[in-house]
Each structure stands twice: as structure tokens, then as C-alpha cells.
Amino acid sequence: MVLEHAVLTVRSEEAAAFEEALAKARAVISAAVGFLSLTVRRGIESPDHYLLLIEWESLEDHTVGFRQSEAFVEWRGLIGPFFESPPIVDHYLPVAGLS
């Protein structure tokens, strides 16, 4: 399992519209091959920051299978217009004995 960690900075005046769009976009990403789960958190100190934690079966399921698909175009079309800046995305593997 690979964990995608994405920090999205959204224009604060559009937070409610972004959250509505993200609810629609969730249906798009959840149909992707290798998708396992998605968790969303909104910043307390920085409410224009959203943390997306997305579990994938493999790194390639995200970086190749999803990101090179028409579904990614749809996903990004739904939520991308709300971004203040490009997302910061990293991937993580579990640490043996600590996960």
C-alpha cells in the first residue's frame, strides 16, 4: 500500500464551492484501478489548506494508471479551478514494525 499525501491550497473565499466539487471528484477517483481510500482534512491554523490522504495499491496505480487517464482530467477539472497554487504531493510507504 502507498499513501499519497497532497496539500491543496484553495482560495479561501471559494472553500465551500471547493468542498462541493471535491465531493463530486471523490466519485471519479474512487473508481480508479488501485484506489483504496481517501481522507480529507481542512487546516485549523490555515483553513485555506486541505490535506488529502489517498491510499493506493501501488505507486504506479496513482502515477501512471490514474494520472495518465481521462479520469484524472475530469478530477482535476472539478477541483483544479479552486487552487491558489499547485498542490504539493508526496508518496509514502509503511515502516515495518511501526504501521
PDB file of N, CA and C in Angstrom:
ATOM      1  N   MET A   1       0.840  -1.174   0.000  1.00  0.00           N
ATOM      2  CA  MET A   1       0.000   0.000   0.000  1.00  0.00           C
ATOM      3  C   MET A   1       0.885   1.238   0.000  1.00  0.00           C
ATOM      4  N   VAL A   2       0.492   2.226  -0.795  1.00  0.00           N
ATOM      5  CA  VAL A   2       1.194   3.504  -0.893  1.00  0.00           C
ATOM      6  C   VAL A   2       0.227   4.597  -0.449  1.00  0.00           C
ATOM      7  N   LEU A   3       0.723   5.526   0.359  1.00  0.00           N
ATOM      8  CA  LEU A   3      -0.094   6.644   0.816  1.00  0.00           C
ATOM      9  C   LEU A   3       0.336   7.904   0.070  1.00  0.00           C
ATOM     10  N   GLU A   4      -0.608   8.491  -0.632  1.00  0.00           N
ATOM     11  CA  GLU A   4      -0.393   9.782  -1.286  1.00  0.00           C
ATOM     12  C   GLU A   4      -0.780  10.865  -0.288  1.00  0.00           C
ATOM     13  N   HIS A   5       0.112  11.818  -0.103  1.00  0.00           N
ATOM     14  CA  HIS A   5      -0.092  12.950   0.807  1.00  0.00           C
ATOM     15  C   HIS A   5      -0.122  14.189  -0.078  1.00  0.00           C
ATOM     16  N   ALA A   6      -1.274  14.852  -0.163  1.00  0.00           N
ATOM     17  CA  ALA A   6      -1.405  16.029  -1.016  1.00  0.00           C
ATOM     18  C   ALA A   6      -1.922  17.201  -0.193  1.00  0.00           C
ATOM     19  N   VAL A   7      -1.201  18.312  -0.265  1.00  0.00           N
ATOM     20  CA  VAL A   7      -1.637  19.541   0.386  1.00  0.00           C
ATOM     21  C   VAL A   7      -2.127  20.474  -0.709  1.00  0.00           C
ATOM     22  N   LEU A   8      -3.397  20.857  -0.602  1.00  0.00           N
ATOM     23  CA  LEU A   8      -4.022  21.735  -1.577  1.00  0.00           C
ATOM     24  C   LEU A   8      -4.296  23.080  -0.917  1.00  0.00           C
ATOM     25  N   THR A   9      -3.869  24.146  -1.564  1.00  0.00           N
ATOM     26  CA  THR A   9      -4.167  25.490  -1.084  1.00  0.00           C
ATOM     27  C   THR A   9      -5.267  26.050  -1.972  1.00  0.00           C
ATOM     28  N   VAL A  10      -6.386  26.376  -1.348  1.00  0.00           N
ATOM     29  CA  VAL A  10      -7.590  26.795  -2.053  1.00  0.00           C
ATOM     30  C   VAL A  10      -7.854  28.266  -1.732  1.00  0.00           C
ATOM     31  N   ARG A  11      -8.341  29.004  -2.716  1.00  0.00           N
ATOM     32  CA  ARG A  11      -8.730  30.389  -2.461  1.00  0.00           C
ATOM     33  C   ARG A  11      -9.802  30.392  -1.373  1.00  0.00           C
ATOM     34  N   SER A  12      -9.528  31.080  -0.272  1.00  0.00           N
ATOM     35  CA  SER A  12     -10.376  30.984   0.918  1.00  0.00           C
ATOM     36  C   SER A  12     -11.830  31.364   0.657  1.00  0.00           C
ATOM     37  N   GLU A  13     -12.073  32.292  -0.232  1.00  0.00           N
ATOM     38  CA  GLU A  13     -13.451  32.698  -0.498  1.00  0.00           C
ATOM     39  C   GLU A  13     -14.237  31.638  -1.265  1.00  0.00           C
ATOM     40  N   GLU A  14     -13.548  30.599  -1.736  1.00  0.00           N
ATOM     41  CA  GLU A  14     -14.208  29.553  -2.508  1.00  0.00           C
ATOM     42  C   GLU A  14     -14.183  28.194  -1.809  1.00  0.00           C
ATOM     43  N   ALA A  15     -13.937  28.186  -0.504  1.00  0.00           N
ATOM     44  CA  ALA A  15     -13.818  26.926   0.230  1.00  0.00           C
ATOM     45  C   ALA A  15     -15.083  26.071   0.132  1.00  0.00           C
ATOM     46  N   ALA A  16     -16.237  26.667   0.297  1.00  0.00           N
ATOM     47  CA  ALA A  16     -17.484  25.891   0.255  1.00  0.00           C
ATOM     48  C   ALA A  16     -17.702  25.281  -1.126  1.00  0.00           C
ATOM     49  N   ALA A  17     -17.450  26.046  -2.169  1.00  0.00           N
ATOM     50  CA  ALA A  17     -17.601  25.525  -3.536  1.00  0.00           C
ATOM     51  C   ALA A  17     -16.569  24.435  -3.812  1.00  0.00           C
ATOM     52  N   PHE A  18     -15.352  24.608  -3.286  1.00  0.00           N
ATOM     53  CA  PHE A  18     -14.326  23.579  -3.449  1.00  0.00           C
ATOM     54  C   PHE A  18     -14.766  22.277  -2.798  1.00  0.00           C
ATOM     55  N   GLU A  19     -15.301  22.351  -1.597  1.00  0.00           N
ATOM     56  CA  GLU A  19     -15.727  21.145  -0.895  1.00  0.00           C
ATOM     57  C   GLU A  19     -16.854  20.441  -1.641  1.00  0.00           C
ATOM     58  N   GLU A  20     -17.749  21.184  -2.235  1.00  0.00           N
ATOM     59  CA  GLU A  20     -18.806  20.576  -3.058  1.00  0.00           C
ATOM     60  C   GLU A  20     -18.204  19.885  -4.280  1.00  0.00           C
ATOM     61  N   ALA A  21     -17.243  20.549  -4.926  1.00  0.00           N
ATOM     62  CA  ALA A  21     -16.591  19.962  -6.099  1.00  0.00           C
ATOM     63  C   ALA A  21     -15.802  18.718  -5.709  1.00  0.00           C
ATOM     64  N   LEU A  22     -15.151  18.754  -4.546  1.00  0.00           N
ATOM     65  CA  LEU A  22     -14.372  17.611  -4.092  1.00  0.00           C
ATOM     66  C   LEU A  22     -15.269  16.408  -3.824  1.00  0.00           C
ATOM     67  N   ALA A  23     -16.471  16.642  -3.342  1.00  0.00           N
ATOM     68  CA  ALA A  23     -17.415  15.539  -3.130  1.00  0.00           C
ATOM     69  C   ALA A  23     -17.742  14.863  -4.461  1.00  0.00           C
ATOM     70  N   LYS A  24     -17.903  15.641  -5.523  1.00  0.00           N
ATOM     71  CA  LYS A  24     -18.137  15.071  -6.851  1.00  0.00           C
ATOM     72  C   LYS A  24     -16.887  14.371  -7.368  1.00  0.00           C
ATOM     73  N   ALA A  25     -15.723  14.994  -7.142  1.00  0.00           N
ATOM     74  CA  ALA A  25     -14.462  14.432  -7.626  1.00  0.00           C
ATOM     75  C   ALA A  25     -14.129  13.113  -6.928  1.00  0.00           C
ATOM     76  N   ARG A  26     -14.591  12.954  -5.707  1.00  0.00           N
ATOM     77  CA  ARG A  26     -14.346  11.707  -4.965  1.00  0.00           C
ATOM     78  C   ARG A  26     -14.904  10.506  -5.724  1.00  0.00           C
ATOM     79  N   ALA A  27     -16.056  10.671  -6.340  1.00  0.00           N
ATOM     80  CA  ALA A  27     -16.650   9.577  -7.118  1.00  0.00           C
ATOM     81  C   ALA A  27     -15.772   9.212  -8.308  1.00  0.00           C
ATOM     82  N   VAL A  28     -15.092  10.188  -8.873  1.00  0.00           N
ATOM     83  CA  VAL A  28     -14.211   9.942 -10.026  1.00  0.00           C
ATOM     84  C   VAL A  28     -12.988   9.144  -9.589  1.00  0.00           C
ATOM     85  N   ILE A  29     -12.311   9.601  -8.558  1.00  0.00           N
ATOM     86  CA  ILE A  29     -11.070   8.940  -8.136  1.00  0.00           C
ATOM     87  C   ILE A  29     -11.349   7.567  -7.525  1.00  0.00           C
ATOM     88  N   SER A  30     -12.471   7.430  -6.852  1.00  0.00           N
ATOM     89  CA  SER A  30     -12.755   6.148  -6.191  1.00  0.00           C
ATOM     90  C   SER A  30     -12.993   5.014  -7.188  1.00  0.00           C
ATOM     91  N   ALA A  31     -13.261   5.353  -8.442  1.00  0.00           N
ATOM     92  CA  ALA A  31     -13.444   4.331  -9.472  1.00  0.00           C
ATOM     93  C   ALA A  31     -12.125   3.919 -10.127  1.00  0.00           C
ATOM     94  N   ALA A  32     -11.019   4.580  -9.764  1.00  0.00           N
ATOM     95  CA  ALA A  32      -9.719   4.289 -10.383  1.00  0.00           C
ATOM     96  C   ALA A  32      -9.180   2.939  -9.925  1.00  0.00           C
ATOM     97  N   VAL A  33      -8.521   2.250 -10.832  1.00  0.00           N
ATOM     98  CA  VAL A  33      -7.866   0.980 -10.502  1.00  0.00           C
ATOM     99  C   VAL A  33      -6.801   1.239  -9.439  1.00  0.00           C
ATOM    100  N   GLY A  34      -6.810   0.446  -8.382  1.00  0.00           N
ATOM    101  CA  GLY A  34      -5.818   0.562  -7.327  1.00  0.00           C
ATOM    102  C   GLY A  34      -6.178   1.533  -6.221  1.00  0.00           C
ATOM    103  N   PHE A  35      -7.253   2.296  -6.379  1.00  0.00           N
ATOM    104  CA  PHE A  35      -7.694   3.223  -5.337  1.00  0.00           C
ATOM    105  C   PHE A  35      -8.211   2.422  -4.152  1.00  0.00           C
ATOM    106  N   LEU A  36      -7.794   2.818  -2.938  1.00  0.00           N
ATOM    107  CA  LEU A  36      -8.260   2.148  -1.732  1.00  0.00           C
ATOM    108  C   LEU A  36      -9.104   3.046  -0.839  1.00  0.00           C
ATOM    109  N   SER A  37      -8.649   4.283  -0.610  1.00  0.00           N
ATOM    110  CA  SER A  37      -9.407   5.177   0.273  1.00  0.00           C
ATOM    111  C   SER A  37      -8.950   6.618   0.092  1.00  0.00           C
ATOM    112  N   LEU A  38      -9.795   7.532   0.544  1.00  0.00           N
ATOM    113  CA  LEU A  38      -9.468   8.956   0.522  1.00  0.00           C
ATOM    114  C   LEU A  38      -9.983   9.577   1.809  1.00  0.00           C
ATOM    115  N   THR A  39      -9.107  10.331   2.470  1.00  0.00           N
ATOM    116  CA  THR A  39      -9.457  11.070   3.673  1.00  0.00           C
ATOM    117  C   THR A  39      -9.119  12.532   3.426  1.00  0.00           C
ATOM    118  N   VAL A  40      -9.999  13.427   3.843  1.00  0.00           N
ATOM    119  CA  VAL A  40      -9.782  14.858   3.642  1.00  0.00           C
ATOM    120  C   VAL A  40      -9.844  15.562   4.992  1.00  0.00           C
ATOM    121  N   ARG A  41      -8.890  16.475   5.207  1.00  0.00           N
ATOM    122  CA  ARG A  41      -8.872  17.310   6.411  1.00  0.00           C
ATOM    123  C   ARG A  41      -8.659  18.762   5.994  1.00  0.00           C
ATOM    124  N   ARG A  42      -9.289  19.678   6.715  1.00  0.00           N
ATOM    125  CA  ARG A  42      -9.104  21.111   6.471  1.00  0.00           C
ATOM    126  C   ARG A  42      -8.259  21.688   7.595  1.00  0.00           C
ATOM    127  N   GLY A  43      -7.336  22.573   7.239  1.00  0.00           N
ATOM    128  CA  GLY A  43      -6.446  23.166   8.227  1.00  0.00           C
ATOM    129  C   GLY A  43      -7.178  24.003   9.259  1.00  0.00           C
ATOM    130  N   ILE A  44      -6.694  23.955  10.471  1.00  0.00           N
ATOM    131  CA  ILE A  44      -7.236  24.791  11.546  1.00  0.00           C
ATOM    132  C   ILE A  44      -6.541  26.149  11.522  1.00  0.00           C
ATOM    133  N   GLU A  45      -5.217  26.135  11.613  1.00  0.00           N
ATOM    134  CA  GLU A  45      -4.461  27.386  11.585  1.00  0.00           C
ATOM    135  C   GLU A  45      -4.481  28.028  10.200  1.00  0.00           C
ATOM    136  N   SER A  46      -4.555  27.193   9.181  1.00  0.00           N
ATOM    137  CA  SER A  46      -4.589  27.664   7.788  1.00  0.00           C
ATOM    138  C   SER A  46      -5.792  27.034   7.094  1.00  0.00           C
ATOM    139  N   PRO A  47      -6.981  27.605   7.263  1.00  0.00           N
ATOM    140  CA  PRO A  47      -8.189  26.979   6.720  1.00  0.00           C
ATOM    141  C   PRO A  47      -8.257  26.949   5.191  1.00  0.00           C
ATOM    142  N   ASP A  48      -7.326  27.599   4.528  1.00  0.00           N
ATOM    143  CA  ASP A  48      -7.274  27.507   3.068  1.00  0.00           C
ATOM    144  C   ASP A  48      -6.442  26.314   2.615  1.00  0.00           C
ATOM    145  N   HIS A  49      -5.884  25.547   3.559  1.00  0.00           N
ATOM    146  CA  HIS A  49      -5.117  24.341   3.253  1.00  0.00           C
ATOM    147  C   HIS A  49      -5.973  23.106   3.508  1.00  0.00           C
ATOM    148  N   TYR A  50      -5.948  22.199   2.554  1.00  0.00           N
ATOM    149  CA  TYR A  50      -6.629  20.916   2.688  1.00  0.00           C
ATOM    150  C   TYR A  50      -5.595  19.818   2.552  1.00  0.00           C
ATOM    151  N   LEU A  51      -5.706  18.806   3.381  1.00  0.00           N
ATOM    152  CA  LEU A  51      -4.834  17.645   3.335  1.00  0.00           C
ATOM    153  C   LEU A  51      -5.638  16.471   2.797  1.00  0.00           C
ATOM    154  N   LEU A  52      -5.176  15.907   1.699  1.00  0.00           N
ATOM    155  CA  LEU A  52      -5.786  14.705   1.139  1.00  0.00           C
ATOM    156  C   LEU A  52      -4.835  13.550   1.397  1.00  0.00           C
ATOM    157  N   LEU A  53      -5.331  12.498   1.987  1.00  0.00           N
ATOM    158  CA  LEU A  53      -4.579  11.269   2.190  1.00  0.00           C
ATOM    159  C   LEU A  53      -5.285  10.196   1.374  1.00  0.00           C
ATOM    160  N   ILE A  54      -4.600   9.726   0.344  1.00  0.00           N
ATOM    161  CA  ILE A  54      -5.203   8.763  -0.580  1.00  0.00           C
ATOM    162  C   ILE A  54      -4.362   7.498  -0.572  1.00  0.00           C
ATOM    163  N   GLU A  55      -5.009   6.385  -0.293  1.00  0.00           N
ATOM    164  CA  GLU A  55      -4.318   5.095  -0.301  1.00  0.00           C
ATOM    165  C   GLU A  55      -4.486   4.437  -1.664  1.00  0.00           C
ATOM    166  N   TRP A  56      -3.357   3.967  -2.195  1.00  0.00           N
ATOM    167  CA  TRP A  56      -3.309   3.258  -3.473  1.00  0.00           C
ATOM    168  C   TRP A  56      -2.681   1.895  -3.256  1.00  0.00           C
ATOM    169  N   GLU A  57      -3.045   0.939  -4.087  1.00  0.00           N
ATOM    170  CA  GLU A  57      -2.415  -0.375  -4.004  1.00  0.00           C
ATOM    171  C   GLU A  57      -0.935  -0.285  -4.365  1.00  0.00           C
ATOM    172  N   SER A  58      -0.587   0.582  -5.342  1.00  0.00           N
ATOM    173  CA  SER A  58       0.817   0.749  -5.735  1.00  0.00           C
ATOM    174  C   SER A  58       1.046   2.183  -6.188  1.00  0.00           C
ATOM    175  N   LEU A  59       2.293   2.592  -6.233  1.00  0.00           N
ATOM    176  CA  LEU A  59       2.647   3.926  -6.719  1.00  0.00           C
ATOM    177  C   LEU A  59       2.198   4.110  -8.161  1.00  0.00           C
ATOM    178  N   GLU A  60       2.380   3.091  -8.963  1.00  0.00           N
ATOM    179  CA  GLU A  60       2.025   3.166 -10.382  1.00  0.00           C
ATOM    180  C   GLU A  60       0.518   3.311 -10.590  1.00  0.00           C
ATOM    181  N   ASP A  61      -0.283   2.761  -9.675  1.00  0.00           N
ATOM    182  CA  ASP A  61      -1.732   2.945  -9.795  1.00  0.00           C
ATOM    183  C   ASP A  61      -2.082   4.431  -9.775  1.00  0.00           C
ATOM    184  N   HIS A  62      -1.316   5.201  -9.002  1.00  0.00           N
ATOM    185  CA  HIS A  62      -1.561   6.645  -8.972  1.00  0.00           C
ATOM    186  C   HIS A  62      -0.838   7.362 -10.103  1.00  0.00           C
ATOM    187  N   THR A  63       0.479   7.179 -10.181  1.00  0.00           N
ATOM    188  CA  THR A  63       1.291   7.998 -11.085  1.00  0.00           C
ATOM    189  C   THR A  63       1.109   7.663 -12.557  1.00  0.00           C
ATOM    190  N   VAL A  64       0.753   6.438 -12.859  1.00  0.00           N
ATOM    191  CA  VAL A  64       0.565   6.035 -14.255  1.00  0.00           C
ATOM    192  C   VAL A  64      -0.916   5.791 -14.528  1.00  0.00           C
ATOM    193  N   GLY A  65      -1.490   4.837 -13.815  1.00  0.00           N
ATOM    194  CA  GLY A  65      -2.873   4.440 -14.081  1.00  0.00           C
ATOM    195  C   GLY A  65      -3.867   5.581 -13.962  1.00  0.00           C
ATOM    196  N   PHE A  66      -3.796   6.340 -12.872  1.00  0.00           N
ATOM    197  CA  PHE A  66      -4.762   7.423 -12.679  1.00  0.00           C
ATOM    198  C   PHE A  66      -4.311   8.715 -13.344  1.00  0.00           C
ATOM    199  N   ARG A  67      -3.091   9.130 -13.090  1.00  0.00           N
ATOM    200  CA  ARG A  67      -2.657  10.450 -13.578  1.00  0.00           C
ATOM    201  C   ARG A  67      -2.548  10.527 -15.093  1.00  0.00           C
ATOM    202  N   GLN A  68      -2.463   9.400 -15.769  1.00  0.00           N
ATOM    203  CA  GLN A  68      -2.396   9.410 -17.227  1.00  0.00           C
ATOM    204  C   GLN A  68      -3.727   8.993 -17.853  1.00  0.00           C
ATOM    205  N   SER A  69      -4.800   9.121 -17.080  1.00  0.00           N
ATOM    206  CA  SER A  69      -6.114   8.701 -17.571  1.00  0.00           C
ATOM    207  C   SER A  69      -7.032   9.901 -17.791  1.00  0.00           C
ATOM    208  N   GLU A  70      -8.117   9.641 -18.500  1.00  0.00           N
ATOM    209  CA  GLU A  70      -9.150  10.662 -18.675  1.00  0.00           C
ATOM    210  C   GLU A  70      -9.822  10.981 -17.338  1.00  0.00           C
ATOM    211  N   ALA A  71      -9.839  10.021 -16.428  1.00  0.00           N
ATOM    212  CA  ALA A  71     -10.428  10.262 -15.111  1.00  0.00           C
ATOM    213  C   ALA A  71      -9.661  11.352 -14.370  1.00  0.00           C
ATOM    214  N   PHE A  72      -8.334  11.392 -14.533  1.00  0.00           N
ATOM    215  CA  PHE A  72      -7.547  12.445 -13.890  1.00  0.00           C
ATOM    216  C   PHE A  72      -7.916  13.812 -14.463  1.00  0.00           C
ATOM    217  N   VAL A  73      -8.121  13.871 -15.769  1.00  0.00           N
ATOM    218  CA  VAL A  73      -8.525  15.129 -16.404  1.00  0.00           C
ATOM    219  C   VAL A  73      -9.846  15.596 -15.798  1.00  0.00           C
ATOM    220  N   GLU A  74     -10.773  14.668 -15.607  1.00  0.00           N
ATOM    221  CA  GLU A  74     -12.061  15.007 -15.009  1.00  0.00           C
ATOM    222  C   GLU A  74     -11.886  15.447 -13.554  1.00  0.00           C
ATOM    223  N   TRP A  75     -11.105  14.694 -12.782  1.00  0.00           N
ATOM    224  CA  TRP A  75     -10.811  15.004 -11.375  1.00  0.00           C
ATOM    225  C   TRP A  75     -10.236  16.407 -11.253  1.00  0.00           C
ATOM    226  N   ARG A  76      -9.202  16.670 -12.049  1.00  0.00           N
ATOM    227  CA  ARG A  76      -8.531  17.972 -11.983  1.00  0.00           C
ATOM    228  C   ARG A  76      -9.446  19.089 -12.476  1.00  0.00           C
ATOM    229  N   GLY A  77     -10.295  18.797 -13.454  1.00  0.00           N
ATOM    230  CA  GLY A  77     -11.240  19.788 -13.943  1.00  0.00           C
ATOM    231  C   GLY A  77     -12.258  20.208 -12.886  1.00  0.00           C
ATOM    232  N   LEU A  78     -12.602  19.290 -12.009  1.00  0.00           N
ATOM    233  CA  LEU A  78     -13.561  19.586 -10.950  1.00  0.00           C
ATOM    234  C   LEU A  78     -12.949  20.414  -9.829  1.00  0.00           C
ATOM    235  N   ILE A  79     -11.734  20.063  -9.399  1.00  0.00           N
ATOM    236  CA  ILE A  79     -11.158  20.726  -8.220  1.00  0.00           C
ATOM    237  C   ILE A  79     -10.057  21.736  -8.548  1.00  0.00           C
ATOM    238  N   GLY A  80      -9.407  21.583  -9.695  1.00  0.00           N
ATOM    239  CA  GLY A  80      -8.291  22.450 -10.050  1.00  0.00           C
ATOM    240  C   GLY A  80      -8.601  23.934 -10.101  1.00  0.00           C
ATOM    241  N   PRO A  81      -9.775  24.342 -10.571  1.00  0.00           N
ATOM    242  CA  PRO A  81     -10.068  25.773 -10.651  1.00  0.00           C
ATOM    243  C   PRO A  81     -10.050  26.507  -9.301  1.00  0.00           C
ATOM    244  N   PHE A  82     -10.085  25.774  -8.203  1.00  0.00           N
ATOM    245  CA  PHE A  82     -10.109  26.394  -6.875  1.00  0.00           C
ATOM    246  C   PHE A  82      -8.713  26.566  -6.274  1.00  0.00           C
ATOM    247  N   PHE A  83      -7.678  25.991  -6.904  1.00  0.00           N
ATOM    248  CA  PHE A  83      -6.329  26.022  -6.340  1.00  0.00           C
ATOM    249  C   PHE A  83      -5.742  27.428  -6.388  1.00  0.00           C
ATOM    250  N   GLU A  84      -5.176  27.836  -5.273  1.00  0.00           N
ATOM    251  CA  GLU A  84      -4.428  29.093  -5.188  1.00  0.00           C
ATOM    252  C   GLU A  84      -3.021  28.899  -5.749  1.00  0.00           C
ATOM    253  N   SER A  85      -2.493  27.683  -5.564  1.00  0.00           N
ATOM    254  CA  SER A  85      -1.152  27.339  -6.031  1.00  0.00           C
ATOM    255  C   SER A  85      -1.142  25.844  -6.355  1.00  0.00           C
ATOM    256  N   PRO A  86      -0.104  25.379  -7.067  1.00  0.00           N
ATOM    257  CA  PRO A  86      -0.060  23.947  -7.387  1.00  0.00           C
ATOM    258  C   PRO A  86      -0.014  23.086  -6.119  1.00  0.00           C
ATOM    259  N   PRO A  87      -0.671  21.934  -6.146  1.00  0.00           N
ATOM    260  CA  PRO A  87      -0.643  21.026  -4.991  1.00  0.00           C
ATOM    261  C   PRO A  87       0.778  20.524  -4.709  1.00  0.00           C
ATOM    262  N   ILE A  88       1.018  20.215  -3.458  1.00  0.00           N
ATOM    263  CA  ILE A  88       2.269  19.570  -3.041  1.00  0.00           C
ATOM    264  C   ILE A  88       1.918  18.116  -2.786  1.00  0.00           C
ATOM    265  N   VAL A  89       2.527  17.212  -3.556  1.00  0.00           N
ATOM    266  CA  VAL A  89       2.177  15.793  -3.488  1.00  0.00           C
ATOM    267  C   VAL A  89       3.429  14.965  -3.222  1.00  0.00           C
ATOM    268  N   ASP A  90       3.328  14.077  -2.246  1.00  0.00           N
ATOM    269  CA  ASP A  90       4.378  13.119  -1.920  1.00  0.00           C
ATOM    270  C   ASP A  90       3.729  11.761  -1.702  1.00  0.00           C
ATOM    271  N   HIS A  91       4.554  10.723  -1.774  1.00  0.00           N
ATOM    272  CA  HIS A  91       4.073   9.349  -1.565  1.00  0.00           C
ATOM    273  C   HIS A  91       4.882   8.694  -0.456  1.00  0.00           C
ATOM    274  N   TYR A  92       4.219   7.844   0.313  1.00  0.00           N
ATOM    275  CA  TYR A  92       4.840   7.217   1.472  1.00  0.00           C
ATOM    276  C   TYR A  92       4.528   5.726   1.524  1.00  0.00           C
ATOM    277  N   LEU A  93       5.497   4.982   2.036  1.00  0.00           N
ATOM    278  CA  LEU A  93       5.335   3.542   2.283  1.00  0.00           C
ATOM    279  C   LEU A  93       5.280   3.306   3.793  1.00  0.00           C
ATOM    280  N   PRO A  94       4.607   2.253   4.221  1.00  0.00           N
ATOM    281  CA  PRO A  94       4.601   1.940   5.658  1.00  0.00           C
ATOM    282  C   PRO A  94       6.009   1.587   6.124  1.00  0.00           C
ATOM    283  N   VAL A  95       6.266   1.838   7.398  1.00  0.00           N
ATOM    284  CA  VAL A  95       7.531   1.482   8.011  1.00  0.00           C
ATOM    285  C   VAL A  95       7.310   0.178   8.785  1.00  0.00           C
ATOM    286  N   ALA A  96       8.103  -0.822   8.442  1.00  0.00           N
ATOM    287  CA  ALA A  96       7.956  -2.149   9.059  1.00  0.00           C
ATOM    288  C   ALA A  96       8.008  -2.044  10.579  1.00  0.00           C
ATOM    289  N   GLY A  97       7.071  -2.686  11.229  1.00  0.00           N
ATOM    290  CA  GLY A  97       7.028  -2.746  12.671  1.00  0.00           C
ATOM    291  C   GLY A  97       6.426  -1.510  13.334  1.00  0.00           C
ATOM    292  N   LEU A  98       6.132  -0.481  12.553  1.00  0.00           N
ATOM    293  CA  LEU A  98       5.571   0.748  13.125  1.00  0.00           C
ATOM    294  C   LEU A  98       4.227   1.110  12.519  1.00  0.00           C
ATOM    295  N   SER A  99       3.725   0.306  11.634  1.00  0.00           N
ATOM    296  CA  SER A  99       2.459   0.642  10.977  1.00  0.00           C
ATOM    297  C   SER A  99       1.360  -0.311  11.412  1.00  0.00           C
TER     298      SER A  99
END
